[in-house]
Amino acid sequence: MALRTLPPATVGAPLPKRSGVRNPARWAHVPLGLTALLLLFPFYWTVVMATNTNSDFYRTPPKVVPGGHLLENIASVLTSINFFGSMANTFIVATSVTLLVLFFDSLAAFAFAKYDFPGKKFLFGLMLAFFMLPAQLSTVPQFITMINLGWVGTLQALIVPAAANAFGIFWMRQYISGAVPDEILDAAVVDGCGFFRQYRLIVLPVIRPGLAFLGIYTFVAAWNDYVWPLIVLVNPDMLTLQVALSQLNVSRGTDYAVVMAGALLAIVPLVVVFLLFARQFVADSVKGAVR
């Protein structure tokens, strides 16, 4: 009886394609690309306005391509306001607030997520209730507190009240609850690790992607804050960047090209911070997925 021999398999041969099957991932890039263009359009329009003259905005049809007046408009910004001094003040405030928020919010979130203590649910619910209230309600009592402390006109009035916030605690509490296993913390307790040692050696390395997002969010919010600095800063030498840029709107007429050039200069540090933190966010997320 003769045995039938099968033909040898071809190594690396492509699999046969199914007829009529399409790749949905390729078509998913179309709405993503359109959304990206839509989100980038305000930034592009800022560039267009900052590189043209004020008279170009009243043309019909409007000018939609960048011009050659960027350096001229930037020079007008630098001569009109103390731009670099205001930027230094804003950088000090935004950096200090971001570091304090990352520390205090993650520490409080660790306690809410992994520890049981009397009144835990009540305090967390109270924090969420305050989170839902408009921030404008606290402006008057907060200003009175700054007067009593003698901090009106100083950067402390911007840094200390923003050192912790309900959103950061809520966000990090949700992140820690899912990212840090209870078994690791139980093993750390058996090994003699206290609260702060668990936080430093176990929690911090795991929650770095969450901290990166919170850092971006906090830095951008502190950098763009306008209302509270406008109220509490009375010293012209201590103005933040957003308050200083508002001085470009003069009563005799606003040069929108100069205003947009100042806004463009104010955006550059935010783009740098976003690229740095976003890269860290993506890298740590991939590491966490591999682990």
Protein backbone atom coordinates (compact mmCIF):
# COMPACT_ATOMS: atom_id res chain seq x y z
CA MET A 1 0.00 0.00 0.00
CA ALA A 2 1.58 3.25 -1.13
CA LEU A 3 1.56 6.19 1.26
CA ARG A 4 0.65 9.61 -0.04
CA THR A 5 3.19 12.33 0.73
CA LEU A 6 2.05 15.89 1.31
CA PRO A 7 3.87 18.72 -0.47
CA PRO A 8 6.36 20.58 1.75
CA ALA A 9 5.09 23.78 3.33
CA THR A 10 6.55 26.92 1.95
CA VAL A 11 8.24 28.91 4.72
CA GLY A 12 7.24 32.53 4.77
CA ALA A 13 4.52 32.12 2.18
CA PRO A 14 1.82 34.81 2.50
CA LEU A 15 -1.57 33.74 3.71
CA PRO A 16 -4.32 33.79 1.14
CA LYS A 17 -6.41 36.93 1.25
CA ARG A 18 -10.09 36.74 1.79
CA SER A 19 -12.15 38.29 -0.88
CA GLY A 20 -14.29 41.19 0.17
CA VAL A 21 -12.52 41.78 3.54
CA ARG A 22 -11.46 45.36 4.17
CA ASN A 23 -9.06 46.80 6.72
CA PRO A 24 -11.11 48.97 9.13
CA ALA A 25 -8.00 50.46 10.78
CA ARG A 26 -7.10 52.28 7.58
CA TRP A 27 -10.45 54.06 7.46
CA ALA A 28 -10.25 54.93 11.16
CA HIS A 29 -7.38 57.31 10.37
CA VAL A 30 -9.65 59.52 8.28
CA PRO A 31 -11.82 60.91 11.13
CA LEU A 32 -8.75 61.07 13.39
CA GLY A 33 -6.90 63.15 10.81
CA LEU A 34 -9.87 65.48 10.29
CA THR A 35 -10.22 65.93 14.06
CA ALA A 36 -6.51 66.72 14.38
CA LEU A 37 -6.76 69.35 11.64
CA LEU A 38 -9.79 70.88 13.34
CA LEU A 39 -7.96 71.09 16.68
CA LEU A 40 -4.82 72.56 15.09
CA PHE A 41 -6.70 75.26 13.18
CA PRO A 42 -6.86 77.78 16.10
CA PHE A 43 -3.09 77.48 16.51
CA TYR A 44 -2.59 77.98 12.77
CA TRP A 45 -4.90 81.01 12.80
CA THR A 46 -2.89 82.49 15.69
CA VAL A 47 0.25 82.14 13.57
CA VAL A 48 -1.48 83.81 10.62
CA MET A 49 -2.67 86.74 12.73
CA ALA A 50 0.70 87.14 14.46
CA THR A 51 2.61 87.32 11.19
CA ASN A 52 0.41 89.92 9.47
CA THR A 53 -0.54 93.54 10.16
CA ASN A 54 -3.65 94.78 11.88
CA SER A 55 -5.07 96.08 8.59
CA ASP A 56 -4.88 92.59 7.07
CA PHE A 57 -7.66 91.41 9.38
CA TYR A 58 -10.15 93.73 7.76
CA ARG A 59 -9.48 92.57 4.22
CA THR A 60 -12.19 90.91 2.17
CA PRO A 61 -11.58 88.04 1.66
CA PRO A 62 -9.47 87.60 4.84
CA LYS A 63 -5.83 86.68 4.56
CA VAL A 64 -5.34 83.01 5.45
CA VAL A 65 -1.60 82.57 4.85
CA PRO A 66 1.25 83.67 7.17
CA GLY A 67 2.87 87.00 6.44
CA GLY A 68 6.28 88.50 7.11
CA HIS A 69 5.62 90.82 10.08
CA LEU A 70 6.25 88.40 12.96
CA LEU A 71 9.49 90.01 14.17
CA GLU A 72 7.93 93.46 13.96
CA ASN A 73 4.94 92.39 16.04
CA ILE A 74 7.16 90.62 18.60
CA ALA A 75 9.23 93.78 18.97
CA SER A 76 6.02 95.73 19.68
CA VAL A 77 5.09 93.20 22.38
CA LEU A 78 8.49 93.45 24.06
CA THR A 79 8.41 97.25 24.10
CA SER A 80 4.81 97.47 25.35
CA ILE A 81 4.96 95.14 28.38
CA ASN A 82 7.52 93.51 30.64
CA PHE A 83 7.17 90.24 28.79
CA PHE A 84 10.16 88.26 30.11
CA GLY A 85 9.61 89.39 33.70
CA SER A 86 5.97 88.34 33.51
CA MET A 87 6.94 85.05 31.92
CA ALA A 88 9.42 84.38 34.75
CA ASN A 89 6.70 85.05 37.33
CA THR A 90 4.30 82.76 35.50
CA PHE A 91 6.91 80.02 35.24
CA ILE A 92 7.63 80.20 38.98
CA VAL A 93 3.92 80.02 39.81
CA ALA A 94 3.07 77.24 37.33
CA THR A 95 6.06 75.09 38.29
CA SER A 96 5.51 75.50 42.03
CA VAL A 97 1.80 74.78 41.77
CA THR A 98 2.41 71.71 39.60
CA LEU A 99 4.97 70.19 41.97
CA LEU A 100 2.80 70.84 45.04
CA VAL A 101 -0.31 69.43 43.38
CA LEU A 102 1.50 66.29 42.23
CA PHE A 103 2.77 65.66 45.77
CA PHE A 104 -0.26 66.52 47.89
CA ASP A 105 -2.90 65.15 45.53
CA SER A 106 -1.16 61.82 44.99
CA LEU A 107 -0.49 61.48 48.72
CA ALA A 108 -4.14 62.16 49.61
CA ALA A 109 -5.33 59.92 46.77
CA PHE A 110 -3.18 57.05 48.07
CA ALA A 111 -4.80 57.39 51.49
CA PHE A 112 -8.32 57.49 50.00
CA ALA A 113 -7.66 54.55 47.67
CA LYS A 114 -5.83 52.06 49.87
CA TYR A 115 -6.46 52.94 53.52
CA ASP A 116 -9.55 52.74 55.71
CA PHE A 117 -10.01 55.44 58.33
CA PRO A 118 -13.00 56.96 60.16
CA GLY A 119 -15.02 59.32 57.98
CA LYS A 120 -13.31 58.28 54.75
CA LYS A 121 -16.48 58.12 52.63
CA PHE A 122 -17.85 61.33 54.14
CA LEU A 123 -14.64 63.27 53.49
CA PHE A 124 -14.39 61.96 49.93
CA GLY A 125 -18.02 62.87 49.23
CA LEU A 126 -17.49 66.32 50.76
CA MET A 127 -14.47 66.82 48.53
CA LEU A 128 -16.50 65.89 45.44
CA ALA A 129 -19.25 68.31 46.52
CA PHE A 130 -16.72 71.16 46.73
CA PHE A 131 -15.34 70.07 43.35
CA MET A 132 -18.76 70.65 41.76
CA LEU A 133 -19.08 74.19 43.13
CA PRO A 134 -18.04 77.10 40.85
CA ALA A 135 -14.58 78.42 41.62
CA GLN A 136 -15.91 81.99 41.61
CA LEU A 137 -17.71 81.37 44.92
CA SER A 138 -14.40 81.19 46.77
CA THR A 139 -12.95 84.39 45.28
CA VAL A 140 -14.14 86.84 47.96
CA PRO A 141 -13.28 84.74 51.05
CA GLN A 142 -9.98 83.77 49.49
CA PHE A 143 -9.12 87.43 48.83
CA ILE A 144 -9.99 88.33 52.45
CA THR A 145 -7.70 85.53 53.62
CA MET A 146 -4.86 86.90 51.48
CA ILE A 147 -5.39 90.36 53.01
CA ASN A 148 -5.20 88.95 56.54
CA LEU A 149 -2.01 87.05 55.67
CA GLY A 150 -0.47 90.09 53.97
CA TRP A 151 0.03 88.20 50.71
CA VAL A 152 -1.83 90.55 48.36
CA GLY A 153 0.47 91.47 45.49
CA THR A 154 2.80 88.49 46.04
CA LEU A 155 3.22 85.19 44.22
CA GLN A 156 2.38 83.26 47.41
CA ALA A 157 -1.23 84.29 46.90
CA LEU A 158 -1.21 82.33 43.64
CA ILE A 159 0.81 79.30 44.76
CA VAL A 160 -0.51 78.35 48.21
CA PRO A 161 -4.29 78.33 47.45
CA ALA A 162 -3.65 76.13 44.40
CA ALA A 163 -1.31 73.66 46.15
CA ALA A 164 -4.03 70.96 46.11
CA ASN A 165 -7.30 70.51 44.26
CA ALA A 166 -10.24 68.13 44.31
CA PHE A 167 -9.90 67.10 40.67
CA GLY A 168 -6.31 65.90 41.15
CA ILE A 169 -7.23 63.88 44.24
CA PHE A 170 -10.19 62.30 42.48
CA TRP A 171 -8.17 61.52 39.35
CA MET A 172 -5.23 59.99 41.22
CA ARG A 173 -7.51 58.08 43.59
CA GLN A 174 -9.18 56.37 40.63
CA TYR A 175 -5.80 55.70 39.02
CA ILE A 176 -4.22 54.25 42.17
CA SER A 177 -7.24 52.04 42.86
CA GLY A 178 -6.74 50.24 39.56
CA ALA A 179 -2.97 50.41 39.14
CA VAL A 180 -1.65 49.43 42.59
CA PRO A 181 -2.55 45.86 43.70
CA ASP A 182 -3.49 45.38 47.34
CA GLU A 183 -1.31 42.26 47.55
CA ILE A 184 1.86 44.28 46.96
CA LEU A 185 0.95 46.72 49.72
CA ASP A 186 0.14 43.84 52.08
CA ALA A 187 3.54 42.30 51.36
CA ALA A 188 5.18 45.68 51.99
CA VAL A 189 3.44 45.93 55.38
CA VAL A 190 4.75 42.49 56.29
CA ASP A 191 8.24 43.67 55.37
CA GLY A 192 7.84 46.65 57.72
CA CYS A 193 7.15 49.45 55.21
CA GLY A 194 5.20 52.38 56.58
CA PHE A 195 2.87 54.75 54.75
CA PHE A 196 5.48 57.06 53.27
CA ARG A 197 7.83 54.23 52.34
CA GLN A 198 5.03 52.45 50.49
CA TYR A 199 4.22 55.70 48.75
CA ARG A 200 7.82 56.33 47.71
CA LEU A 201 8.94 52.81 46.75
CA ILE A 202 5.75 51.18 45.44
CA VAL A 203 3.12 53.74 44.49
CA LEU A 204 5.19 56.45 42.79
CA PRO A 205 6.90 54.17 40.21
CA VAL A 206 3.51 52.74 39.19
CA ILE A 207 1.48 55.96 38.91
CA ARG A 208 3.93 57.96 36.80
CA PRO A 209 1.61 58.01 33.73
CA GLY A 210 -1.21 59.39 35.89
CA LEU A 211 1.12 61.98 37.38
CA ALA A 212 2.26 62.98 33.89
CA PHE A 213 -1.32 63.71 32.82
CA LEU A 214 -2.04 65.59 36.05
CA GLY A 215 1.20 67.56 35.61
CA ILE A 216 0.23 68.65 32.09
CA TYR A 217 -3.27 69.61 33.17
CA THR A 218 -2.11 71.55 36.25
CA PHE A 219 0.73 73.38 34.50
CA VAL A 220 -1.50 74.52 31.62
CA ALA A 221 -4.24 75.65 34.03
CA ALA A 222 -1.78 77.59 36.20
CA TRP A 223 -0.07 79.12 33.15
CA ASN A 224 -3.36 80.31 31.64
CA ASP A 225 -4.95 81.50 34.90
CA TYR A 226 -6.19 85.07 34.50
CA VAL A 227 -9.01 86.02 36.86
CA TRP A 228 -7.38 85.34 40.23
CA PRO A 229 -4.00 86.91 39.31
CA LEU A 230 -5.86 89.96 37.96
CA ILE A 231 -7.57 90.37 41.34
CA VAL A 232 -4.75 89.68 43.75
CA LEU A 233 -1.67 91.07 41.96
CA VAL A 234 -1.43 94.83 42.46
CA ASN A 235 2.31 95.23 41.96
CA PRO A 236 3.19 95.86 38.28
CA ASP A 237 6.50 94.03 38.71
CA MET A 238 4.75 90.85 39.90
CA LEU A 239 2.23 90.44 37.10
CA THR A 240 1.81 87.08 35.43
CA LEU A 241 1.94 86.66 31.68
CA GLN A 242 -1.80 86.55 31.02
CA VAL A 243 -2.42 89.73 33.01
CA ALA A 244 0.48 91.47 31.26
CA LEU A 245 -0.82 90.47 27.84
CA SER A 246 -4.21 91.98 28.67
CA GLN A 247 -2.47 95.37 28.84
CA LEU A 248 -2.01 95.20 25.07
CA ASN A 249 -5.74 95.95 24.71
CA VAL A 250 -5.47 99.73 24.91
CA SER A 251 -8.46 102.07 24.95
CA ARG A 252 -7.53 103.92 21.76
CA GLY A 253 -7.64 100.72 19.73
CA THR A 254 -6.38 97.17 19.81
CA ASP A 255 -3.64 95.99 17.50
CA TYR A 256 -4.73 92.39 17.08
CA ALA A 257 -1.52 91.44 15.31
CA VAL A 258 0.52 92.46 18.36
CA VAL A 259 -1.91 90.70 20.74
CA MET A 260 -1.69 87.50 18.74
CA ALA A 261 2.10 87.73 18.61
CA GLY A 262 2.12 87.91 22.41
CA ALA A 263 -0.28 84.99 22.63
CA LEU A 264 1.95 83.00 20.28
CA LEU A 265 4.98 83.65 22.49
CA ALA A 266 2.97 82.56 25.53
CA ILE A 267 2.00 79.29 23.84
CA VAL A 268 5.56 78.16 23.11
CA PRO A 269 6.43 77.07 26.71
CA LEU A 270 3.16 75.13 26.91
CA VAL A 271 3.99 73.23 23.73
CA VAL A 272 7.44 72.33 25.11
CA VAL A 273 5.99 71.13 28.42
CA PHE A 274 3.31 69.12 26.65
CA LEU A 275 5.83 67.38 24.41
CA LEU A 276 8.06 66.49 27.36
CA PHE A 277 5.29 65.21 29.63
CA ALA A 278 3.35 63.52 26.84
CA ARG A 279 6.44 61.57 25.81
CA GLN A 280 6.91 60.46 29.42
CA PHE A 281 3.21 59.60 29.62
CA VAL A 282 3.32 57.37 26.55
CA ALA A 283 6.60 55.72 27.53
CA ASP A 284 5.41 54.87 31.04
CA SER A 285 2.07 53.62 29.75
CA VAL A 286 3.87 51.19 27.43
CA LYS A 287 6.12 50.02 30.29
CA GLY A 288 3.09 49.42 32.47
CA ALA A 289 1.40 47.41 29.71
CA VAL A 290 4.53 45.24 29.28
CA ARG A 291 4.76 44.59 32.99
